[in-house]
Amino acid sequence: MDDVQLVANSYGGLSRAVVLRAQEYWRLTHAKKSAALDQRAGPVACLVVAARALHATVDKGRLSKCASANVRLVEANLRKVVDAVGVISVVKTTPAALCIKFGCEALTEIVNGVFEEYRKFLNRQAAASKRKKTEHPLGPVGATMDGKDPVFAAACLYAASKYAKVRYV
């Protein structure tokens, strides 16, 4: 039995698909020697990434306790697994969640409004692109724009907080 399976059995309640995907991530990160995962935190990180990729819920803290791993070390290993495996859409952050995380709940409506405007802009650009039959109307950068990317939620929070600071100071 490998480390991922031991942690999954100790945690209990994880689907077979999540465990199999985590085992595959564990093998892949070991094949890429540059990842250099910790023996205790590595399996936990693989399980967390696999669960997020398959939209399953998992408690990172409880998993860490089951593996006797440090939570901070698990965070560092999470980044290594995501980089080694190439999972893009693991992190999902809403503008409202960012507002709560950074303690600016009063800006939630403004941030959501900015984010919705951005998504509408992307939809208009995509429609115009289809009509003109061009690949990327905004140039090479247009290919990388995605309304679900957490970077854009963070950018909306930043823009709204700058606006609020200028307006209310």
Protein backbone atom coordinates (compact mmCIF):
# COMPACT_ATOMS: atom_id res chain seq x y z
CA MET A 1 0.00 0.00 0.00
CA ASP A 2 1.38 3.43 -0.85
CA ASP A 3 1.38 6.62 1.20
CA VAL A 4 -1.62 8.17 -0.54
CA GLN A 5 -3.74 5.08 0.13
CA LEU A 6 -2.70 5.03 3.80
CA VAL A 7 -3.67 8.68 4.30
CA ALA A 8 -6.95 8.16 2.40
CA ASN A 9 -7.83 5.13 4.54
CA SER A 10 -7.00 7.06 7.70
CA TYR A 11 -9.16 10.00 6.56
CA GLY A 12 -12.04 7.79 5.36
CA GLY A 13 -14.92 8.72 3.08
CA LEU A 14 -12.90 9.64 0.00
CA SER A 15 -14.16 8.32 -3.30
CA ARG A 16 -12.11 5.80 -5.23
CA ALA A 17 -11.75 8.26 -8.13
CA VAL A 18 -10.15 10.86 -5.85
CA VAL A 19 -7.72 8.32 -4.40
CA LEU A 20 -6.77 6.98 -7.84
CA ARG A 21 -6.21 10.50 -9.19
CA ALA A 22 -4.13 11.38 -6.12
CA GLN A 23 -2.03 8.25 -6.61
CA GLU A 24 -1.44 9.25 -10.22
CA TYR A 25 -0.40 12.75 -9.10
CA TRP A 26 1.94 11.19 -6.52
CA ARG A 27 3.57 9.00 -9.20
CA LEU A 28 3.85 11.93 -11.60
CA THR A 29 5.47 14.22 -9.05
CA HIS A 30 7.94 11.48 -8.13
CA ALA A 31 8.78 11.03 -11.80
CA LYS A 32 9.56 14.73 -11.98
CA LYS A 33 12.40 14.85 -9.50
CA SER A 34 12.27 18.65 -9.36
CA ALA A 35 9.04 18.51 -7.32
CA ALA A 36 10.75 16.91 -4.28
CA LEU A 37 7.63 16.43 -2.17
CA ASP A 38 7.73 15.80 1.56
CA GLN A 39 6.96 12.18 2.53
CA ARG A 40 4.14 13.20 4.88
CA ALA A 41 2.80 16.38 3.31
CA GLY A 42 3.13 15.17 -0.29
CA PRO A 43 0.33 12.58 -0.20
CA VAL A 44 -1.94 15.09 1.54
CA ALA A 45 -1.22 17.68 -1.15
CA CYS A 46 -1.93 15.13 -3.89
CA LEU A 47 -5.24 14.19 -2.26
CA VAL A 48 -6.28 17.84 -1.91
CA VAL A 49 -5.42 18.65 -5.54
CA ALA A 50 -7.21 15.52 -6.76
CA ALA A 51 -10.30 16.31 -4.68
CA ARG A 52 -10.45 19.87 -5.97
CA ALA A 53 -9.96 18.73 -9.56
CA LEU A 54 -12.85 16.27 -9.19
CA HIS A 55 -15.01 18.80 -7.29
CA ALA A 56 -15.04 16.72 -4.11
CA THR A 57 -14.92 18.25 -0.66
CA VAL A 58 -12.00 17.47 1.61
CA ASP A 59 -10.79 18.98 4.88
CA LYS A 60 -7.12 19.87 4.44
CA GLY A 61 -6.57 20.25 8.18
CA ARG A 62 -8.01 16.86 9.00
CA LEU A 63 -6.05 15.24 6.18
CA SER A 64 -2.88 16.83 7.55
CA LYS A 65 -3.61 15.41 11.00
CA CYS A 66 -4.22 11.95 9.52
CA ALA A 67 -0.78 12.09 7.88
CA SER A 68 0.92 13.81 10.86
CA ALA A 69 1.96 16.59 8.50
CA ASN A 70 2.41 20.30 9.10
CA VAL A 71 -0.33 22.38 7.42
CA ARG A 72 2.19 24.97 6.20
CA LEU A 73 4.28 22.25 4.63
CA VAL A 74 1.14 20.92 2.94
CA GLU A 75 0.53 24.39 1.44
CA ALA A 76 4.03 24.47 -0.02
CA ASN A 77 3.60 20.97 -1.40
CA LEU A 78 0.23 21.92 -2.90
CA ARG A 79 1.94 24.48 -5.11
CA LYS A 80 4.56 21.93 -6.13
CA VAL A 81 1.91 19.35 -7.07
CA VAL A 82 -0.12 21.88 -9.06
CA ASP A 83 3.01 22.97 -10.93
CA ALA A 84 4.23 19.43 -11.57
CA VAL A 85 0.87 18.05 -12.65
CA GLY A 86 -0.22 21.09 -14.61
CA VAL A 87 -3.71 21.36 -13.12
CA ILE A 88 -5.00 24.77 -14.10
CA SER A 89 -8.46 25.15 -12.62
CA VAL A 90 -7.90 23.92 -9.08
CA VAL A 91 -8.16 27.27 -7.37
CA LYS A 92 -11.61 28.83 -7.55
CA THR A 93 -12.05 32.17 -5.88
CA THR A 94 -15.06 34.43 -6.05
CA PRO A 95 -14.80 38.18 -5.63
CA ALA A 96 -17.02 37.98 -2.54
CA ALA A 97 -14.72 35.39 -0.93
CA LEU A 98 -11.74 37.65 -1.55
CA CYS A 99 -13.56 40.60 0.03
CA ILE A 100 -14.22 38.55 3.14
CA LYS A 101 -10.67 37.21 3.23
CA PHE A 102 -9.12 40.69 3.08
CA GLY A 103 -11.64 42.29 5.45
CA CYS A 104 -13.40 44.66 3.07
CA GLU A 105 -16.95 43.30 3.13
CA ALA A 106 -18.32 46.78 2.42
CA LEU A 107 -16.85 46.60 -1.09
CA THR A 108 -18.49 43.29 -1.99
CA GLU A 109 -21.22 44.85 -4.16
CA ILE A 110 -18.77 47.11 -5.98
CA VAL A 111 -16.32 44.25 -6.59
CA ASN A 112 -19.10 41.98 -7.86
CA GLY A 113 -20.27 44.77 -10.16
CA VAL A 114 -16.78 45.28 -11.58
CA PHE A 115 -16.38 41.53 -12.05
CA GLU A 116 -19.73 41.26 -13.86
CA GLU A 117 -18.78 44.17 -16.13
CA TYR A 118 -15.54 42.39 -16.94
CA ARG A 119 -17.37 39.15 -17.79
CA LYS A 120 -19.84 41.06 -19.99
CA PHE A 121 -16.90 42.71 -21.74
CA LEU A 122 -15.33 39.30 -22.41
CA ASN A 123 -18.62 37.97 -23.79
CA ARG A 124 -18.97 40.99 -26.10
CA GLN A 125 -15.41 40.52 -27.31
CA ALA A 126 -16.02 36.83 -27.94
CA ALA A 127 -19.19 37.62 -29.92
CA ALA A 128 -17.38 40.27 -31.96
CA SER A 129 -14.57 37.82 -32.58
CA LYS A 130 -17.02 35.24 -33.93
CA ARG A 131 -18.64 37.80 -36.22
CA LYS A 132 -15.32 38.99 -37.60
CA LYS A 133 -13.93 35.47 -37.60
CA THR A 134 -10.74 36.61 -35.98
CA GLU A 135 -9.01 34.48 -33.43
CA HIS A 136 -8.07 37.04 -30.79
CA PRO A 137 -9.41 40.60 -31.16
CA LEU A 138 -7.29 41.78 -28.25
CA GLY A 139 -4.09 40.31 -29.63
CA PRO A 140 -2.13 37.46 -28.07
CA VAL A 141 -3.17 38.56 -24.57
CA GLY A 142 -6.81 37.95 -25.48
CA ALA A 143 -6.21 34.22 -25.66
CA THR A 144 -5.28 34.12 -21.99
CA MET A 145 -8.31 36.02 -20.69
CA ASP A 146 -10.71 33.88 -18.70
CA GLY A 147 -13.58 35.10 -16.55
CA LYS A 148 -13.14 32.18 -14.14
CA ASP A 149 -9.48 32.89 -13.44
CA PRO A 150 -8.95 33.96 -9.79
CA VAL A 151 -6.42 36.55 -10.92
CA PHE A 152 -9.22 38.61 -12.44
CA ALA A 153 -11.28 38.39 -9.24
CA ALA A 154 -8.24 39.71 -7.36
CA ALA A 155 -7.77 42.46 -9.95
CA CYS A 156 -11.40 43.50 -9.52
CA LEU A 157 -10.92 43.68 -5.75
CA TYR A 158 -7.78 45.76 -6.22
CA ALA A 159 -9.51 48.17 -8.61
CA ALA A 160 -12.55 48.53 -6.35
CA SER A 161 -10.41 49.13 -3.27
CA LYS A 162 -8.41 51.80 -5.11
CA TYR A 163 -11.68 53.41 -6.20
CA ALA A 164 -13.04 53.34 -2.64
CA LYS A 165 -9.83 54.78 -1.22
CA VAL A 166 -9.83 57.68 -3.69
CA ARG A 167 -13.55 58.29 -3.27
CA TYR A 168 -13.77 58.15 0.53
CA VAL A 169 -10.44 59.66 1.55
